[in-house]
PDB file of N, CA and C in Angstrom:
ATOM      1  N   UNK A   1      -1.534 -27.244  -9.686  1.00  0.00           N
ATOM      2  CA  UNK A   1      -0.708 -27.161 -10.211  1.00  0.00           C
ATOM      3  C   UNK A   1      -0.540 -28.477  -9.682  1.00  0.00           C
ATOM      4  N   UNK A   2       0.246 -29.787 -10.334  1.00  0.00           N
ATOM      5  CA  UNK A   2       1.223 -31.297  -9.577  1.00  0.00           C
ATOM      6  C   UNK A   2       2.461 -30.912  -9.357  1.00  0.00           C
ATOM      7  N   UNK A   3       2.874 -32.058  -8.001  1.00  0.00           N
ATOM      8  CA  UNK A   3       4.094 -31.171  -7.488  1.00  0.00           C
ATOM      9  C   UNK A   3       4.980 -31.827  -8.737  1.00  0.00           C
ATOM     10  N   UNK A   4       4.886 -32.977  -9.380  1.00  0.00           N
ATOM     11  CA  UNK A   4       5.722 -33.715 -10.319  1.00  0.00           C
ATOM     12  C   UNK A   4       5.717 -32.213 -11.526  1.00  0.00           C
ATOM     13  N   UNK A   5       4.887 -31.457 -11.747  1.00  0.00           N
ATOM     14  CA  UNK A   5       4.606 -30.688 -13.038  1.00  0.00           C
ATOM     15  C   UNK A   5       5.639 -29.266 -12.183  1.00  0.00           C
ATOM     16  N   UNK A   6       5.839 -29.192 -11.243  1.00  0.00           N
ATOM     17  CA  UNK A   6       6.456 -28.446 -10.533  1.00  0.00           C
ATOM     18  C   UNK A   6       8.035 -28.384 -10.415  1.00  0.00           C
ATOM     19  N   UNK A   7       8.331 -29.762 -10.356  1.00  0.00           N
ATOM     20  CA  UNK A   7       9.623 -30.321  -9.933  1.00  0.00           C
ATOM     21  C   UNK A   7      10.378 -30.314 -11.615  1.00  0.00           C
ATOM     22  N   UNK A   8       9.742 -30.503 -12.216  1.00  0.00           N
ATOM     23  CA  UNK A   8       9.663 -30.393 -13.728  1.00  0.00           C
ATOM     24  C   UNK A   8       9.911 -28.936 -14.310  1.00  0.00           C
ATOM     25  N   UNK A   9       9.328 -28.095 -13.673  1.00  0.00           N
ATOM     26  CA  UNK A   9       9.758 -26.628 -14.218  1.00  0.00           C
ATOM     27  C   UNK A   9      10.850 -26.369 -13.886  1.00  0.00           C
ATOM     28  N   UNK A  10      11.180 -26.723 -12.391  1.00  0.00           N
ATOM     29  CA  UNK A  10      12.678 -26.433 -11.815  1.00  0.00           C
ATOM     30  C   UNK A  10      14.157 -26.824 -12.662  1.00  0.00           C
ATOM     31  N   UNK A  11      13.468 -28.230 -13.317  1.00  0.00           N
ATOM     32  CA  UNK A  11      14.778 -28.080 -14.083  1.00  0.00           C
ATOM     33  C   UNK A  11      14.866 -28.096 -15.270  1.00  0.00           C
ATOM     34  N   UNK A  12      13.932 -27.540 -16.189  1.00  0.00           N
ATOM     35  CA  UNK A  12      13.881 -26.469 -17.346  1.00  0.00           C
ATOM     36  C   UNK A  12      14.382 -25.218 -17.114  1.00  0.00           C
ATOM     37  N   UNK A  13      14.726 -24.904 -18.268  1.00  0.00           N
ATOM     38  CA  UNK A  13      15.395 -23.458 -18.277  1.00  0.00           C
ATOM     39  C   UNK A  13      14.242 -22.219 -18.445  1.00  0.00           C
ATOM     40  N   UNK A  14      14.687 -21.227 -18.375  1.00  0.00           N
ATOM     41  CA  UNK A  14      13.630 -20.180 -19.137  1.00  0.00           C
ATOM     42  C   UNK A  14      13.340 -20.417 -20.063  1.00  0.00           C
ATOM     43  N   UNK A  15      14.335 -20.689 -21.180  1.00  0.00           N
ATOM     44  CA  UNK A  15      13.604 -20.908 -22.507  1.00  0.00           C
ATOM     45  C   UNK A  15      12.832 -22.046 -22.999  1.00  0.00           C
ATOM     46  N   UNK A  16      12.937 -23.019 -22.330  1.00  0.00           N
ATOM     47  CA  UNK A  16      12.371 -24.268 -22.094  1.00  0.00           C
ATOM     48  C   UNK A  16      10.970 -23.925 -21.792  1.00  0.00           C
ATOM     49  N   UNK A  17      10.654 -23.073 -20.711  1.00  0.00           N
ATOM     50  CA  UNK A  17       9.463 -23.033 -20.153  1.00  0.00           C
ATOM     51  C   UNK A  17       8.847 -21.996 -21.044  1.00  0.00           C
ATOM     52  N   UNK A  18       9.415 -20.768 -21.253  1.00  0.00           N
ATOM     53  CA  UNK A  18       8.714 -19.822 -22.280  1.00  0.00           C
ATOM     54  C   UNK A  18       9.351 -19.743 -23.213  1.00  0.00           C
ATOM     55  N   UNK A  19       9.108 -20.474 -24.616  1.00  0.00           N
ATOM     56  CA  UNK A  19       9.943 -20.206 -25.675  1.00  0.00           C
ATOM     57  C   UNK A  19       9.515 -19.060 -26.381  1.00  0.00           C
ATOM     58  N   UNK A  20       8.833 -18.700 -26.533  1.00  0.00           N
ATOM     59  CA  UNK A  20       8.377 -17.220 -27.068  1.00  0.00           C
ATOM     60  C   UNK A  20       8.370 -15.741 -26.112  1.00  0.00           C
ATOM     61  N   UNK A  21       8.883 -15.795 -25.241  1.00  0.00           N
ATOM     62  CA  UNK A  21       9.253 -14.885 -24.202  1.00  0.00           C
ATOM     63  C   UNK A  21      10.156 -14.793 -23.944  1.00  0.00           C
ATOM     64  N   UNK A  22      10.964 -13.901 -24.835  1.00  0.00           N
ATOM     65  CA  UNK A  22      12.247 -13.346 -24.372  1.00  0.00           C
ATOM     66  C   UNK A  22      12.514 -12.605 -22.926  1.00  0.00           C
ATOM     67  N   UNK A  23      13.600 -12.772 -22.432  1.00  0.00           N
ATOM     68  CA  UNK A  23      14.308 -12.063 -20.928  1.00  0.00           C
ATOM     69  C   UNK A  23      14.297 -10.464 -21.614  1.00  0.00           C
ATOM     70  N   UNK A  24      13.556  -9.898 -20.431  1.00  0.00           N
ATOM     71  CA  UNK A  24      13.888  -7.943 -20.392  1.00  0.00           C
ATOM     72  C   UNK A  24      15.203  -7.983 -20.653  1.00  0.00           C
ATOM     73  N   UNK A  25      15.487  -6.691 -21.326  1.00  0.00           N
ATOM     74  CA  UNK A  25      16.931  -6.278 -21.594  1.00  0.00           C
ATOM     75  C   UNK A  25      16.796  -4.947 -19.701  1.00  0.00           C
ATOM     76  N   UNK A  26      18.009  -4.442 -19.943  1.00  0.00           N
ATOM     77  CA  UNK A  26      18.557  -4.027 -18.576  1.00  0.00           C
ATOM     78  C   UNK A  26      17.654  -2.347 -18.640  1.00  0.00           C
ATOM     79  N   UNK A  27      17.276  -1.469 -19.975  1.00  0.00           N
ATOM     80  CA  UNK A  27      16.800  -0.549 -19.902  1.00  0.00           C
ATOM     81  C   UNK A  27      15.130  -0.921 -19.364  1.00  0.00           C
ATOM     82  N   UNK A  28      14.395  -2.486 -20.100  1.00  0.00           N
ATOM     83  CA  UNK A  28      13.537  -2.209 -20.178  1.00  0.00           C
ATOM     84  C   UNK A  28      13.046  -2.643 -18.519  1.00  0.00           C
ATOM     85  N   UNK A  29      14.165  -3.127 -17.790  1.00  0.00           N
ATOM     86  CA  UNK A  29      13.720  -3.392 -16.576  1.00  0.00           C
ATOM     87  C   UNK A  29      13.741  -2.257 -15.457  1.00  0.00           C
ATOM     88  N   UNK A  30      14.718  -1.684 -15.919  1.00  0.00           N
ATOM     89  CA  UNK A  30      14.457   0.028 -15.433  1.00  0.00           C
ATOM     90  C   UNK A  30      13.606   0.683 -15.282  1.00  0.00           C
ATOM     91  N   UNK A  31      12.412   0.847 -16.828  1.00  0.00           N
ATOM     92  CA  UNK A  31      11.623   1.323 -17.034  1.00  0.00           C
ATOM     93  C   UNK A  31      10.364   0.996 -16.096  1.00  0.00           C
ATOM     94  N   UNK A  32      10.335  -0.415 -15.714  1.00  0.00           N
ATOM     95  CA  UNK A  32       9.503  -1.098 -14.958  1.00  0.00           C
ATOM     96  C   UNK A  32      10.061  -0.796 -13.743  1.00  0.00           C
ATOM     97  N   UNK A  33      11.260  -0.927 -13.384  1.00  0.00           N
ATOM     98  CA  UNK A  33      11.471  -0.084 -11.731  1.00  0.00           C
ATOM     99  C   UNK A  33      10.960   1.096 -11.258  1.00  0.00           C
ATOM    100  N   UNK A  34      10.900   2.022 -12.587  1.00  0.00           N
ATOM    101  CA  UNK A  34      10.554   3.169 -12.347  1.00  0.00           C
ATOM    102  C   UNK A  34       8.366   3.396 -11.875  1.00  0.00           C
ATOM    103  N   UNK A  35       8.203   2.332 -12.904  1.00  0.00           N
ATOM    104  CA  UNK A  35       6.964   2.589 -13.229  1.00  0.00           C
ATOM    105  C   UNK A  35       5.815   2.242 -12.348  1.00  0.00           C
ATOM    106  N   UNK A  36       6.247   1.280 -12.348  1.00  0.00           N
ATOM    107  CA  UNK A  36       5.575   0.140 -11.477  1.00  0.00           C
ATOM    108  C   UNK A  36       5.339   0.440  -9.734  1.00  0.00           C
ATOM    109  N   UNK A  37       6.817   0.506  -9.299  1.00  0.00           N
ATOM    110  CA  UNK A  37       6.673   1.174  -7.499  1.00  0.00           C
ATOM    111  C   UNK A  37       6.051   2.498  -7.424  1.00  0.00           C
ATOM    112  N   UNK A  38       6.068   3.805  -8.722  1.00  0.00           N
ATOM    113  CA  UNK A  38       5.455   4.794  -9.162  1.00  0.00           C
ATOM    114  C   UNK A  38       4.080   4.785  -9.043  1.00  0.00           C
ATOM    115  N   UNK A  39       3.653   3.650  -9.637  1.00  0.00           N
ATOM    116  CA  UNK A  39       2.634   3.488  -9.683  1.00  0.00           C
ATOM    117  C   UNK A  39       1.494   3.167  -8.645  1.00  0.00           C
ATOM    118  N   UNK A  40       1.923   2.537  -7.492  1.00  0.00           N
ATOM    119  CA  UNK A  40       1.763   2.093  -6.579  1.00  0.00           C
ATOM    120  C   UNK A  40       1.339   3.211  -5.290  1.00  0.00           C
ATOM    121  N   UNK A  41       2.928   3.953  -5.740  1.00  0.00           N
ATOM    122  CA  UNK A  41       2.730   4.662  -4.634  1.00  0.00           C
ATOM    123  C   UNK A  41       1.599   5.976  -4.997  1.00  0.00           C
ATOM    124  N   UNK A  42       1.772   6.351  -6.057  1.00  0.00           N
ATOM    125  CA  UNK A  42       0.791   7.332  -6.573  1.00  0.00           C
ATOM    126  C   UNK A  42      -0.828   6.598  -5.991  1.00  0.00           C
ATOM    127  N   UNK A  43      -1.009   5.597  -6.179  1.00  0.00           N
ATOM    128  CA  UNK A  43      -2.475   5.210  -5.933  1.00  0.00           C
ATOM    129  C   UNK A  43      -2.767   5.264  -4.508  1.00  0.00           C
ATOM    130  N   UNK A  44      -1.435   5.118  -3.766  1.00  0.00           N
ATOM    131  CA  UNK A  44      -1.541   5.145  -2.104  1.00  0.00           C
ATOM    132  C   UNK A  44      -1.797   6.680  -1.813  1.00  0.00           C
ATOM    133  N   UNK A  45      -1.240   7.694  -2.461  1.00  0.00           N
ATOM    134  CA  UNK A  45      -1.070   8.786  -2.466  1.00  0.00           C
ATOM    135  C   UNK A  45      -2.233   9.321  -2.619  1.00  0.00           C
ATOM    136  N   UNK A  46      -3.157   8.989  -3.831  1.00  0.00           N
ATOM    137  CA  UNK A  46      -4.403   9.737  -4.583  1.00  0.00           C
ATOM    138  C   UNK A  46      -4.989   9.404  -3.081  1.00  0.00           C
ATOM    139  N   UNK A  47      -5.322   8.063  -2.328  1.00  0.00           N
ATOM    140  CA  UNK A  47      -6.104   7.661  -1.310  1.00  0.00           C
ATOM    141  C   UNK A  47      -6.202   8.482  -0.305  1.00  0.00           C
ATOM    142  N   UNK A  48      -4.849   8.702   0.263  1.00  0.00           N
ATOM    143  CA  UNK A  48      -4.740   9.367   1.482  1.00  0.00           C
ATOM    144  C   UNK A  48      -4.841  10.814   1.222  1.00  0.00           C
ATOM    145  N   UNK A  49      -4.547  11.282   0.268  1.00  0.00           N
ATOM    146  CA  UNK A  49      -4.787  12.780  -0.488  1.00  0.00           C
ATOM    147  C   UNK A  49      -6.521  13.036  -0.390  1.00  0.00           C
ATOM    148  N   UNK A  50      -6.950  12.568  -1.141  1.00  0.00           N
ATOM    149  CA  UNK A  50      -8.499  12.525  -1.361  1.00  0.00           C
ATOM    150  C   UNK A  50      -9.427  12.065  -0.113  1.00  0.00           C
ATOM    151  N   UNK A  51      -8.743  11.177   0.755  1.00  0.00           N
ATOM    152  CA  UNK A  51      -9.587  11.126   2.199  1.00  0.00           C
ATOM    153  C   UNK A  51      -9.942  12.380   2.885  1.00  0.00           C
ATOM    154  N   UNK A  52      -9.082  13.248   2.432  1.00  0.00           N
ATOM    155  CA  UNK A  52      -9.115  14.367   3.178  1.00  0.00           C
ATOM    156  C   UNK A  52      -9.433  15.570   2.512  1.00  0.00           C
ATOM    157  N   UNK A  53      -9.358  15.658   1.290  1.00  0.00           N
ATOM    158  CA  UNK A  53      -9.523  16.818   0.372  1.00  0.00           C
ATOM    159  C   UNK A  53     -10.656  16.689  -0.542  1.00  0.00           C
ATOM    160  N   UNK A  54     -11.678  17.344  -1.180  1.00  0.00           N
ATOM    161  CA  UNK A  54     -12.897  16.970  -1.400  1.00  0.00           C
ATOM    162  C   UNK A  54     -12.064  17.358  -3.140  1.00  0.00           C
ATOM    163  N   UNK A  55     -11.884  16.675  -4.223  1.00  0.00           N
ATOM    164  CA  UNK A  55     -11.672  17.262  -5.498  1.00  0.00           C
ATOM    165  C   UNK A  55     -12.781  18.092  -6.209  1.00  0.00           C
ATOM    166  N   UNK A  56     -14.328  18.284  -5.780  1.00  0.00           N
ATOM    167  CA  UNK A  56     -15.038  19.215  -6.082  1.00  0.00           C
ATOM    168  C   UNK A  56     -14.512  20.632  -5.965  1.00  0.00           C
ATOM    169  N   UNK A  57     -13.944  20.805  -4.738  1.00  0.00           N
ATOM    170  CA  UNK A  57     -13.743  22.266  -4.405  1.00  0.00           C
ATOM    171  C   UNK A  57     -12.194  22.530  -4.556  1.00  0.00           C
ATOM    172  N   UNK A  58     -11.270  22.069  -5.082  1.00  0.00           N
ATOM    173  CA  UNK A  58     -10.092  22.043  -5.907  1.00  0.00           C
ATOM    174  C   UNK A  58     -10.123  22.937  -7.491  1.00  0.00           C
ATOM    175  N   UNK A  59     -11.177  23.198  -7.658  1.00  0.00           N
ATOM    176  CA  UNK A  59     -11.434  23.680  -8.574  1.00  0.00           C
ATOM    177  C   UNK A  59     -11.881  25.174  -8.640  1.00  0.00           C
ATOM    178  N   UNK A  60     -12.321  25.293  -7.370  1.00  0.00           N
ATOM    179  CA  UNK A  60     -13.021  26.657  -6.827  1.00  0.00           C
ATOM    180  C   UNK A  60     -11.898  27.412  -6.370  1.00  0.00           C
ATOM    181  N   UNK A  61     -10.826  26.795  -5.677  1.00  0.00           N
ATOM    182  CA  UNK A  61      -9.788  27.370  -5.245  1.00  0.00           C
ATOM    183  C   UNK A  61      -8.948  27.761  -6.257  1.00  0.00           C
ATOM    184  N   UNK A  62      -9.286  27.555  -7.480  1.00  0.00           N
ATOM    185  CA  UNK A  62      -7.628  27.856  -8.740  1.00  0.00           C
ATOM    186  C   UNK A  62      -8.245  29.228  -9.152  1.00  0.00           C
ATOM    187  N   UNK A  63      -7.338  30.143  -9.584  1.00  0.00           N
ATOM    188  CA  UNK A  63      -7.639  31.595 -10.257  1.00  0.00           C
ATOM    189  C   UNK A  63      -7.471  31.182 -11.537  1.00  0.00           C
ATOM    190  N   UNK A  64      -7.716  31.333 -12.542  1.00  0.00           N
ATOM    191  CA  UNK A  64      -9.321  31.890 -12.652  1.00  0.00           C
ATOM    192  C   UNK A  64     -10.106  30.248 -12.072  1.00  0.00           C
ATOM    193  N   UNK A  65     -11.256  30.721 -11.445  1.00  0.00           N
ATOM    194  CA  UNK A  65     -12.052  29.332 -10.650  1.00  0.00           C
ATOM    195  C   UNK A  65     -12.274  28.624 -12.456  1.00  0.00           C
ATOM    196  N   UNK A  66     -11.805  26.948 -12.201  1.00  0.00           N
ATOM    197  CA  UNK A  66     -12.333  26.280 -12.862  1.00  0.00           C
ATOM    198  C   UNK A  66     -13.080  25.619 -12.384  1.00  0.00           C
ATOM    199  N   UNK A  67     -14.244  24.874 -13.322  1.00  0.00           N
ATOM    200  CA  UNK A  67     -15.259  23.616 -12.874  1.00  0.00           C
ATOM    201  C   UNK A  67     -14.841  22.539 -13.436  1.00  0.00           C
ATOM    202  N   UNK A  68     -14.811  21.269 -12.822  1.00  0.00           N
ATOM    203  CA  UNK A  68     -14.767  20.191 -13.481  1.00  0.00           C
ATOM    204  C   UNK A  68     -15.341  19.243 -12.271  1.00  0.00           C
ATOM    205  N   UNK A  69     -15.875  18.061 -12.981  1.00  0.00           N
ATOM    206  CA  UNK A  69     -15.789  17.107 -12.043  1.00  0.00           C
ATOM    207  C   UNK A  69     -14.872  16.290 -11.269  1.00  0.00           C
ATOM    208  N   UNK A  70     -15.668  15.828 -10.454  1.00  0.00           N
ATOM    209  CA  UNK A  70     -15.042  14.933  -9.118  1.00  0.00           C
ATOM    210  C   UNK A  70     -13.837  13.849  -9.744  1.00  0.00           C
ATOM    211  N   UNK A  71     -14.587  13.280 -10.461  1.00  0.00           N
ATOM    212  CA  UNK A  71     -13.415  11.938 -11.374  1.00  0.00           C
ATOM    213  C   UNK A  71     -12.712  12.877 -12.145  1.00  0.00           C
ATOM    214  N   UNK A  72     -12.717  13.791 -12.430  1.00  0.00           N
ATOM    215  CA  UNK A  72     -11.850  14.533 -12.988  1.00  0.00           C
ATOM    216  C   UNK A  72     -10.854  14.613 -12.157  1.00  0.00           C
ATOM    217  N   UNK A  73     -11.127  15.433 -11.211  1.00  0.00           N
ATOM    218  CA  UNK A  73     -10.086  15.609 -10.385  1.00  0.00           C
ATOM    219  C   UNK A  73      -9.341  14.760  -9.310  1.00  0.00           C
ATOM    220  N   UNK A  74     -10.206  13.692  -9.261  1.00  0.00           N
ATOM    221  CA  UNK A  74      -9.323  12.240  -9.107  1.00  0.00           C
ATOM    222  C   UNK A  74      -8.323  11.674 -10.157  1.00  0.00           C
ATOM    223  N   UNK A  75      -8.815  12.411 -11.032  1.00  0.00           N
ATOM    224  CA  UNK A  75      -7.979  11.532 -12.680  1.00  0.00           C
ATOM    225  C   UNK A  75      -6.270  12.555 -12.011  1.00  0.00           C
ATOM    226  N   UNK A  76      -6.718  13.921 -12.427  1.00  0.00           N
ATOM    227  CA  UNK A  76      -5.734  14.768 -12.094  1.00  0.00           C
ATOM    228  C   UNK A  76      -4.971  14.668 -11.206  1.00  0.00           C
ATOM    229  N   UNK A  77      -5.077  14.562  -9.903  1.00  0.00           N
ATOM    230  CA  UNK A  77      -4.568  14.007  -8.395  1.00  0.00           C
ATOM    231  C   UNK A  77      -3.678  12.766  -8.610  1.00  0.00           C
ATOM    232  N   UNK A  78      -4.439  11.927  -9.225  1.00  0.00           N
ATOM    233  CA  UNK A  78      -3.430  10.435  -9.271  1.00  0.00           C
ATOM    234  C   UNK A  78      -2.537  10.475 -10.333  1.00  0.00           C
ATOM    235  N   UNK A  79      -2.903  11.710 -11.772  1.00  0.00           N
ATOM    236  CA  UNK A  79      -1.402  11.700 -12.624  1.00  0.00           C
ATOM    237  C   UNK A  79      -0.350  12.534 -12.147  1.00  0.00           C
ATOM    238  N   UNK A  80      -0.460  13.635 -11.514  1.00  0.00           N
ATOM    239  CA  UNK A  80      -0.014  14.249 -10.691  1.00  0.00           C
ATOM    240  C   UNK A  80       1.084  13.664  -9.600  1.00  0.00           C
ATOM    241  N   UNK A  81       0.345  12.840  -8.829  1.00  0.00           N
ATOM    242  CA  UNK A  81       1.324  11.948  -7.602  1.00  0.00           C
ATOM    243  C   UNK A  81       2.017  10.956  -8.588  1.00  0.00           C
ATOM    244  N   UNK A  82       1.613  10.407  -9.897  1.00  0.00           N
ATOM    245  CA  UNK A  82       2.490   9.456 -10.251  1.00  0.00           C
ATOM    246  C   UNK A  82       3.604   9.846 -10.543  1.00  0.00           C
ATOM    247  N   UNK A  83       3.656  11.375 -11.248  1.00  0.00           N
ATOM    248  CA  UNK A  83       4.550  12.152 -12.486  1.00  0.00           C
ATOM    249  C   UNK A  83       5.728  12.200 -10.945  1.00  0.00           C
ATOM    250  N   UNK A  84       5.434  12.651 -10.037  1.00  0.00           N
ATOM    251  CA  UNK A  84       6.052  12.844  -8.793  1.00  0.00           C
ATOM    252  C   UNK A  84       6.892  11.879  -8.019  1.00  0.00           C
ATOM    253  N   UNK A  85       5.699  10.421  -8.180  1.00  0.00           N
ATOM    254  CA  UNK A  85       7.289   9.587  -7.779  1.00  0.00           C
ATOM    255  C   UNK A  85       7.720   8.705  -9.236  1.00  0.00           C
ATOM    256  N   UNK A  86       7.408   9.060 -10.119  1.00  0.00           N
ATOM    257  CA  UNK A  86       8.070   8.573 -11.214  1.00  0.00           C
ATOM    258  C   UNK A  86       9.390   9.368 -11.239  1.00  0.00           C
ATOM    259  N   UNK A  87       9.403  10.867 -10.936  1.00  0.00           N
ATOM    260  CA  UNK A  87      10.590  11.411 -11.141  1.00  0.00           C
ATOM    261  C   UNK A  87      11.669  11.267  -9.831  1.00  0.00           C
ATOM    262  N   UNK A  88      10.981  10.657  -8.518  1.00  0.00           N
ATOM    263  CA  UNK A  88      11.856  10.055  -7.848  1.00  0.00           C
ATOM    264  C   UNK A  88      12.249   9.101  -7.979  1.00  0.00           C
ATOM    265  N   UNK A  89      11.672   7.989  -8.694  1.00  0.00           N
ATOM    266  CA  UNK A  89      12.182   6.888  -8.917  1.00  0.00           C
ATOM    267  C   UNK A  89      13.074   6.638  -9.812  1.00  0.00           C
ATOM    268  N   UNK A  90      13.430   7.789 -10.940  1.00  0.00           N
ATOM    269  CA  UNK A  90      14.056   8.324 -11.898  1.00  0.00           C
ATOM    270  C   UNK A  90      15.526   8.488 -11.178  1.00  0.00           C
ATOM    271  N   UNK A  91      15.230   9.570 -10.634  1.00  0.00           N
ATOM    272  CA  UNK A  91      16.126  10.036  -9.765  1.00  0.00           C
ATOM    273  C   UNK A  91      17.078   8.813  -9.089  1.00  0.00           C
ATOM    274  N   UNK A  92      16.466   8.125  -8.471  1.00  0.00           N
ATOM    275  CA  UNK A  92      16.977   6.665  -7.702  1.00  0.00           C
ATOM    276  C   UNK A  92      18.034   6.252  -8.468  1.00  0.00           C
ATOM    277  N   UNK A  93      16.973   5.865  -9.585  1.00  0.00           N
ATOM    278  CA  UNK A  93      17.423   4.696 -10.956  1.00  0.00           C
ATOM    279  C   UNK A  93      19.172   5.473 -11.446  1.00  0.00           C
ATOM    280  N   UNK A  94      18.679   7.146 -11.591  1.00  0.00           N
ATOM    281  CA  UNK A  94      19.862   7.472 -12.096  1.00  0.00           C
ATOM    282  C   UNK A  94      21.179   7.748 -11.168  1.00  0.00           C
ATOM    283  N   UNK A  95      20.982   7.801  -9.891  1.00  0.00           N
ATOM    284  CA  UNK A  95      21.561   7.709  -8.903  1.00  0.00           C
ATOM    285  C   UNK A  95      22.434   6.336  -8.254  1.00  0.00           C
ATOM    286  N   UNK A  96      21.910   5.534  -8.922  1.00  0.00           N
ATOM    287  CA  UNK A  96      22.266   3.700  -8.521  1.00  0.00           C
ATOM    288  C   UNK A  96      23.356   3.488  -9.850  1.00  0.00           C
ATOM    289  N   UNK A  97      23.053   3.935 -11.535  1.00  0.00           N
ATOM    290  CA  UNK A  97      24.034   3.674 -11.869  1.00  0.00           C
ATOM    291  C   UNK A  97      24.922   4.721 -11.925  1.00  0.00           C
ATOM    292  N   UNK A  98      24.952   5.814 -11.711  1.00  0.00           N
ATOM    293  CA  UNK A  98      25.837   6.622 -11.593  1.00  0.00           C
ATOM    294  C   UNK A  98      27.183   6.478 -10.795  1.00  0.00           C
ATOM    295  N   UNK A  99      27.037   5.825  -9.700  1.00  0.00           N
ATOM    296  CA  UNK A  99      27.641   5.232  -8.558  1.00  0.00           C
ATOM    297  C   UNK A  99      29.123   4.913  -9.248  1.00  0.00           C
ATOM    298  N   UNK A 100      30.238   5.052  -9.047  1.00  0.00           N
ATOM    299  CA  UNK A 100      31.136   4.331  -9.208  1.00  0.00           C
ATOM    300  C   UNK A 100      31.605   3.076  -8.568  1.00  0.00           C
ATOM    301  N   UNK A 101      31.587   1.622  -8.840  1.00  0.00           N
ATOM    302  CA  UNK A 101      31.937   0.951  -8.345  1.00  0.00           C
ATOM    303  C   UNK A 101      33.113   0.489  -7.891  1.00  0.00           C
ATOM    304  N   UNK A 102      33.969   0.831  -8.784  1.00  0.00           N
ATOM    305  CA  UNK A 102      35.616   0.674  -8.743  1.00  0.00           C
ATOM    306  C   UNK A 102      36.643   1.519  -7.423  1.00  0.00           C
ATOM    307  N   UNK A 103      36.910   0.518  -6.147  1.00  0.00           N
ATOM    308  CA  UNK A 103      37.373   1.399  -5.107  1.00  0.00           C
ATOM    309  C   UNK A 103      38.987   2.065  -5.855  1.00  0.00           C
ATOM    310  N   UNK A 104      38.725   3.470  -4.856  1.00  0.00           N
ATOM    311  CA  UNK A 104      39.878   4.146  -5.697  1.00  0.00           C
ATOM    312  C   UNK A 104      41.088   3.477  -4.661  1.00  0.00           C
ATOM    313  N   UNK A 105      42.723   3.429  -5.286  1.00  0.00           N
ATOM    314  CA  UNK A 105      43.670   2.762  -4.895  1.00  0.00           C
ATOM    315  C   UNK A 105      44.262   4.062  -3.818  1.00  0.00           C
ATOM    316  N   UNK A 106      44.521   3.403  -2.708  1.00  0.00           N
ATOM    317  CA  UNK A 106      44.794   4.223  -1.851  1.00  0.00           C
ATOM    318  C   UNK A 106      46.743   5.009  -2.261  1.00  0.00           C
ATOM    319  N   UNK A 107      46.789   5.890  -1.908  1.00  0.00           N
ATOM    320  CA  UNK A 107      48.279   6.327  -2.182  1.00  0.00           C
ATOM    321  C   UNK A 107      48.946   5.629  -1.257  1.00  0.00           C
ATOM    322  N   UNK A 108      50.495   5.471  -1.712  1.00  0.00           N
ATOM    323  CA  UNK A 108      51.336   4.322  -1.198  1.00  0.00           C
ATOM    324  C   UNK A 108      51.765   4.770   0.741  1.00  0.00           C
ATOM    325  N   UNK A 109      51.477   6.550   0.855  1.00  0.00           N
ATOM    326  CA  UNK A 109      51.740   6.616   1.978  1.00  0.00           C
ATOM    327  C   UNK A 109      50.962   6.975   2.838  1.00  0.00           C
ATOM    328  N   UNK A 110      49.648   6.834   2.702  1.00  0.00           N
ATOM    329  CA  UNK A 110      48.190   6.695   3.210  1.00  0.00           C
ATOM    330  C   UNK A 110      47.545   5.124   3.855  1.00  0.00           C
ATOM    331  N   UNK A 111      46.729   5.174   4.661  1.00  0.00           N
ATOM    332  CA  UNK A 111      46.239   3.654   5.344  1.00  0.00           C
ATOM    333  C   UNK A 111      45.241   3.602   4.557  1.00  0.00           C
ATOM    334  N   UNK A 112      44.436   2.679   3.638  1.00  0.00           N
ATOM    335  CA  UNK A 112      43.014   2.198   3.686  1.00  0.00           C
ATOM    336  C   UNK A 112      42.418   2.339   4.577  1.00  0.00           C
ATOM    337  N   UNK A 113      40.961   2.732   4.373  1.00  0.00           N
ATOM    338  CA  UNK A 113      39.924   3.036   5.084  1.00  0.00           C
ATOM    339  C   UNK A 113      39.258   1.756   5.293  1.00  0.00           C
ATOM    340  N   UNK A 114      38.680   1.526   6.472  1.00  0.00           N
ATOM    341  CA  UNK A 114      37.810   0.100   6.011  1.00  0.00           C
ATOM    342  C   UNK A 114      36.838  -0.324   5.566  1.00  0.00           C
ATOM    343  N   UNK A 115      36.150   1.015   4.369  1.00  0.00           N
ATOM    344  CA  UNK A 115      35.275   0.604   3.205  1.00  0.00           C
ATOM    345  C   UNK A 115      35.897   0.361   1.947  1.00  0.00           C
ATOM    346  N   UNK A 116      37.391   0.372   1.372  1.00  0.00           N
ATOM    347  CA  UNK A 116      37.894   0.052   0.524  1.00  0.00           C
ATOM    348  C   UNK A 116      37.881   1.120  -0.855  1.00  0.00           C
ATOM    349  N   UNK A 117      37.540   2.378  -0.106  1.00  0.00           N
ATOM    350  CA  UNK A 117      37.314   3.338  -1.050  1.00  0.00           C
ATOM    351  C   UNK A 117      38.548   3.998  -1.351  1.00  0.00           C
TER     352      UNK A 117
END
């Protein structure tokens, strides 16, 4: 990419550079903020977990005993970790959204604290 083209991109707005692409809505950004980090966390957790545990032996320890391939074990483990990390990310988004941003006004006889709540 040339330097002149980069300068030109900085001067143009989003709509001029990407005329057919709309900016994401707030809900779409929140869903992406849940799914993408949880996907990366699940991939990392899967690598760590299956570096120690053999997925072929997991089915033998179940009651009743289940036989499935190692690839199935890897897949089930990944989706399990993805579900757990998605729940964690969803709770974080919920807590952020439910935060009351308006400071509470102190009573006339009380001194306001340093945090402004």
